[in-house]
Amino acid sequence: QVRLVESGGGLVQSGGSLRLSCAISGITSSYYAIAWFRQAPGKKREGVSCIKSEGDETFYAGSVKGRFTISRDSAKNTVYLQMNSLQSQDTAKYLCASDTSAQQMCLTITYGRSYEADNWGQGTQVTVSS
């Protein structure tokens, strides 16, 4: 059974940084992707960033490109989302998800859209104060 556990959220001032972690367990496929999504109250869930298991190819939504960096530590089975230059519009609950249709999920992320991934974590709240 796949399990994804997010951590690292919190309250930060505008312009600050946070690093989110997604601890992964139970994935048996060698080809998959891990993505970060976010959802603010009253808004649709949107894709933020994605990383493939093969080659660590990364993808970003336009709204975060240049500010957020996704990375993977295979030894720790953890995916990170480094978020810099945070803005109030980045306030949301951030969720990580896994899917074996890696290319499809990651390409969807680049359009900032949501995606019905196979597995989801519970999320971690990020609040940016102005």
C-alpha atoms as a PDB file:
ATOM      1  CA  GLN A   1       0.000   0.000   0.000  1.00  0.00           C
ATOM      2  CA  VAL A   2       1.387   3.373  -1.042  1.00  0.00           C
ATOM      3  CA  ARG A   3       1.708   5.919   1.726  1.00  0.00           C
ATOM      4  CA  LEU A   4       2.629   9.581   1.297  1.00  0.00           C
ATOM      5  CA  VAL A   5       3.241  11.829   4.284  1.00  0.00           C
ATOM      6  CA  GLU A   6       3.826  15.542   3.882  1.00  0.00           C
ATOM      7  CA  SER A   7       5.593  17.800   6.373  1.00  0.00           C
ATOM      8  CA  GLY A   8       7.299  21.160   6.529  1.00  0.00           C
ATOM      9  CA  GLY A   9       4.389  23.527   6.188  1.00  0.00           C
ATOM     10  CA  GLY A  10       3.920  26.556   8.399  1.00  0.00           C
ATOM     11  CA  LEU A  11       3.536  30.302   8.614  1.00  0.00           C
ATOM     12  CA  VAL A  12       6.064  32.461   6.782  1.00  0.00           C
ATOM     13  CA  GLN A  13       6.296  36.111   5.836  1.00  0.00           C
ATOM     14  CA  SER A  14       6.034  37.245   2.259  1.00  0.00           C
ATOM     15  CA  GLY A  15       9.383  36.818   0.546  1.00  0.00           C
ATOM     16  CA  GLY A  16      10.383  33.981   2.848  1.00  0.00           C
ATOM     17  CA  SER A  17      11.124  30.326   2.173  1.00  0.00           C
ATOM     18  CA  LEU A  18       9.899  26.914   3.234  1.00  0.00           C
ATOM     19  CA  ARG A  19      10.874  23.374   2.337  1.00  0.00           C
ATOM     20  CA  LEU A  20       8.165  20.754   2.152  1.00  0.00           C
ATOM     21  CA  SER A  21       8.884  17.039   2.380  1.00  0.00           C
ATOM     22  CA  CYS A  22       6.910  14.090   1.074  1.00  0.00           C
ATOM     23  CA  ALA A  23       7.948  10.784   2.661  1.00  0.00           C
ATOM     24  CA  ILE A  24       7.104   7.882   0.367  1.00  0.00           C
ATOM     25  CA  SER A  25       6.567   4.221   1.159  1.00  0.00           C
ATOM     26  CA  GLY A  26       4.985   1.224  -0.522  1.00  0.00           C
ATOM     27  CA  ILE A  27       5.642   2.120  -4.165  1.00  0.00           C
ATOM     28  CA  THR A  28       6.567  -1.062  -6.036  1.00  0.00           C
ATOM     29  CA  SER A  29       6.690   0.303  -9.578  1.00  0.00           C
ATOM     30  CA  SER A  30      10.058   1.459 -10.855  1.00  0.00           C
ATOM     31  CA  TYR A  31       8.449   4.048 -13.124  1.00  0.00           C
ATOM     32  CA  TYR A  32       6.283   6.658 -11.473  1.00  0.00           C
ATOM     33  CA  ALA A  33       6.101  10.335 -10.668  1.00  0.00           C
ATOM     34  CA  ILE A  34       5.609  12.348  -7.517  1.00  0.00           C
ATOM     35  CA  ALA A  35       3.800  15.652  -7.800  1.00  0.00           C
ATOM     36  CA  TRP A  36       2.878  18.530  -5.539  1.00  0.00           C
ATOM     37  CA  PHE A  37      -0.557  20.067  -5.749  1.00  0.00           C
ATOM     38  CA  ARG A  38      -2.112  22.848  -3.722  1.00  0.00           C
ATOM     39  CA  GLN A  39      -5.599  23.940  -2.844  1.00  0.00           C
ATOM     40  CA  ALA A  40      -6.647  27.203  -1.275  1.00  0.00           C
ATOM     41  CA  PRO A  41     -10.067  27.645   0.362  1.00  0.00           C
ATOM     42  CA  GLY A  42     -12.745  28.204  -2.252  1.00  0.00           C
ATOM     43  CA  LYS A  43     -10.383  27.495  -5.129  1.00  0.00           C
ATOM     44  CA  LYS A  44      -9.773  24.510  -7.348  1.00  0.00           C
ATOM     45  CA  ARG A  45      -6.825  22.254  -6.669  1.00  0.00           C
ATOM     46  CA  GLU A  46      -3.915  23.118  -8.938  1.00  0.00           C
ATOM     47  CA  GLY A  47      -0.722  21.393  -9.941  1.00  0.00           C
ATOM     48  CA  VAL A  48       2.529  22.896  -8.730  1.00  0.00           C
ATOM     49  CA  SER A  49       5.464  20.644  -9.591  1.00  0.00           C
ATOM     50  CA  CYS A  50       6.310  17.092 -10.590  1.00  0.00           C
ATOM     51  CA  ILE A  51       9.338  14.809 -10.724  1.00  0.00           C
ATOM     52  CA  LYS A  52       9.724  11.501 -12.533  1.00  0.00           C
ATOM     53  CA  SER A  53      11.406   8.509 -10.933  1.00  0.00           C
ATOM     54  CA  GLU A  54      13.448   7.868 -14.065  1.00  0.00           C
ATOM     55  CA  GLY A  55      16.022  10.534 -14.744  1.00  0.00           C
ATOM     56  CA  ASP A  56      14.545  12.923 -12.178  1.00  0.00           C
ATOM     57  CA  GLU A  57      13.000  15.043 -14.935  1.00  0.00           C
ATOM     58  CA  THR A  58      11.170  17.975 -13.343  1.00  0.00           C
ATOM     59  CA  PHE A  59       8.122  19.988 -14.308  1.00  0.00           C
ATOM     60  CA  TYR A  60       6.659  23.232 -12.937  1.00  0.00           C
ATOM     61  CA  ALA A  61       3.504  25.263 -13.239  1.00  0.00           C
ATOM     62  CA  GLY A  62       4.137  28.719 -14.643  1.00  0.00           C
ATOM     63  CA  SER A  63       3.061  30.405 -11.411  1.00  0.00           C
ATOM     64  CA  VAL A  64       5.943  28.858  -9.439  1.00  0.00           C
ATOM     65  CA  LYS A  65       8.645  28.405 -12.058  1.00  0.00           C
ATOM     66  CA  GLY A  66      11.869  30.061 -10.949  1.00  0.00           C
ATOM     67  CA  ARG A  67      10.733  30.215  -7.307  1.00  0.00           C
ATOM     68  CA  PHE A  68      10.065  26.558  -6.413  1.00  0.00           C
ATOM     69  CA  THR A  69      12.418  23.607  -6.850  1.00  0.00           C
ATOM     70  CA  ILE A  70      11.413  19.958  -6.633  1.00  0.00           C
ATOM     71  CA  SER A  71      14.012  17.311  -5.846  1.00  0.00           C
ATOM     72  CA  ARG A  72      14.235  13.680  -4.815  1.00  0.00           C
ATOM     73  CA  ASP A  73      16.412  11.808  -2.330  1.00  0.00           C
ATOM     74  CA  SER A  74      16.132   8.165  -3.349  1.00  0.00           C
ATOM     75  CA  ALA A  75      18.030   6.926  -0.298  1.00  0.00           C
ATOM     76  CA  LYS A  76      15.497   8.576   1.994  1.00  0.00           C
ATOM     77  CA  ASN A  77      12.475   7.885  -0.255  1.00  0.00           C
ATOM     78  CA  THR A  78      11.590  11.532   0.058  1.00  0.00           C
ATOM     79  CA  VAL A  79      10.640  14.252  -2.389  1.00  0.00           C
ATOM     80  CA  TYR A  80      11.194  17.866  -1.444  1.00  0.00           C
ATOM     81  CA  LEU A  81       9.655  21.124  -2.595  1.00  0.00           C
ATOM     82  CA  GLN A  82      11.869  24.102  -1.880  1.00  0.00           C
ATOM     83  CA  MET A  83       9.738  27.233  -2.019  1.00  0.00           C
ATOM     84  CA  ASN A  84      11.452  30.612  -2.218  1.00  0.00           C
ATOM     85  CA  SER A  85      10.130  34.157  -2.635  1.00  0.00           C
ATOM     86  CA  LEU A  86       6.795  33.079  -1.209  1.00  0.00           C
ATOM     87  CA  GLN A  87       3.817  35.310  -1.883  1.00  0.00           C
ATOM     88  CA  SER A  88       0.389  35.546  -0.287  1.00  0.00           C
ATOM     89  CA  GLN A  89      -1.126  33.782  -3.308  1.00  0.00           C
ATOM     90  CA  ASP A  90       0.985  30.731  -2.441  1.00  0.00           C
ATOM     91  CA  THR A  91      -1.111  30.226   0.701  1.00  0.00           C
ATOM     92  CA  ALA A  92      -2.778  26.829   0.405  1.00  0.00           C
ATOM     93  CA  LYS A  93      -2.800  23.269   1.599  1.00  0.00           C
ATOM     94  CA  TYR A  94      -0.033  21.434  -0.252  1.00  0.00           C
ATOM     95  CA  LEU A  95      -0.479  17.774  -1.086  1.00  0.00           C
ATOM     96  CA  CYS A  96       1.854  15.292  -2.661  1.00  0.00           C
ATOM     97  CA  ALA A  97       0.622  12.550  -4.946  1.00  0.00           C
ATOM     98  CA  SER A  98       2.019   9.591  -6.840  1.00  0.00           C
ATOM     99  CA  ASP A  99       0.970   8.082 -10.139  1.00  0.00           C
ATOM    100  CA  THR A 100       2.398   5.491 -12.501  1.00  0.00           C
ATOM    101  CA  SER A 101       1.280   7.537 -15.521  1.00  0.00           C
ATOM    102  CA  ALA A 102       4.261   9.757 -14.888  1.00  0.00           C
ATOM    103  CA  GLN A 103       4.385  11.603 -18.187  1.00  0.00           C
ATOM    104  CA  GLN A 104       0.657  12.340 -18.185  1.00  0.00           C
ATOM    105  CA  MET A 105       0.612  13.669 -14.635  1.00  0.00           C
ATOM    106  CA  CYS A 106       3.762  15.738 -15.043  1.00  0.00           C
ATOM    107  CA  LEU A 107       2.616  17.333 -18.295  1.00  0.00           C
ATOM    108  CA  THR A 108      -0.692  18.261 -16.661  1.00  0.00           C
ATOM    109  CA  ILE A 109       1.273  19.993 -13.909  1.00  0.00           C
ATOM    110  CA  THR A 110       2.861  22.379 -16.405  1.00  0.00           C
ATOM    111  CA  TYR A 111      -0.599  23.777 -17.127  1.00  0.00           C
ATOM    112  CA  GLY A 112      -1.271  24.258 -13.410  1.00  0.00           C
ATOM    113  CA  ARG A 113      -4.202  21.865 -13.626  1.00  0.00           C
ATOM    114  CA  SER A 114      -5.227  19.230 -11.162  1.00  0.00           C
ATOM    115  CA  TYR A 115      -5.001  15.522 -11.867  1.00  0.00           C
ATOM    116  CA  GLU A 116      -6.642  12.442 -10.425  1.00  0.00           C
ATOM    117  CA  ALA A 117      -3.502  10.723  -9.173  1.00  0.00           C
ATOM    118  CA  ASP A 118      -3.412   7.176  -7.848  1.00  0.00           C
ATOM    119  CA  ASN A 119      -2.330   8.066  -4.318  1.00  0.00           C
ATOM    120  CA  TRP A 120      -2.479  11.153  -2.127  1.00  0.00           C
ATOM    121  CA  GLY A 121      -1.072  12.367   1.139  1.00  0.00           C
ATOM    122  CA  GLN A 122      -3.049  14.263   3.751  1.00  0.00           C
ATOM    123  CA  GLY A 123      -1.418  17.599   3.006  1.00  0.00           C
ATOM    124  CA  THR A 124       0.446  20.299   4.895  1.00  0.00           C
ATOM    125  CA  GLN A 125      -0.697  23.887   5.305  1.00  0.00           C
ATOM    126  CA  VAL A 126       1.405  26.773   4.026  1.00  0.00           C
ATOM    127  CA  THR A 127       0.372  30.275   5.050  1.00  0.00           C
ATOM    128  CA  VAL A 128       2.183  33.331   3.728  1.00  0.00           C
ATOM    129  CA  SER A 129       1.542  36.576   5.574  1.00  0.00           C
ATOM    130  CA  SER A 130       1.909  39.882   3.768  1.00  0.00           C
END
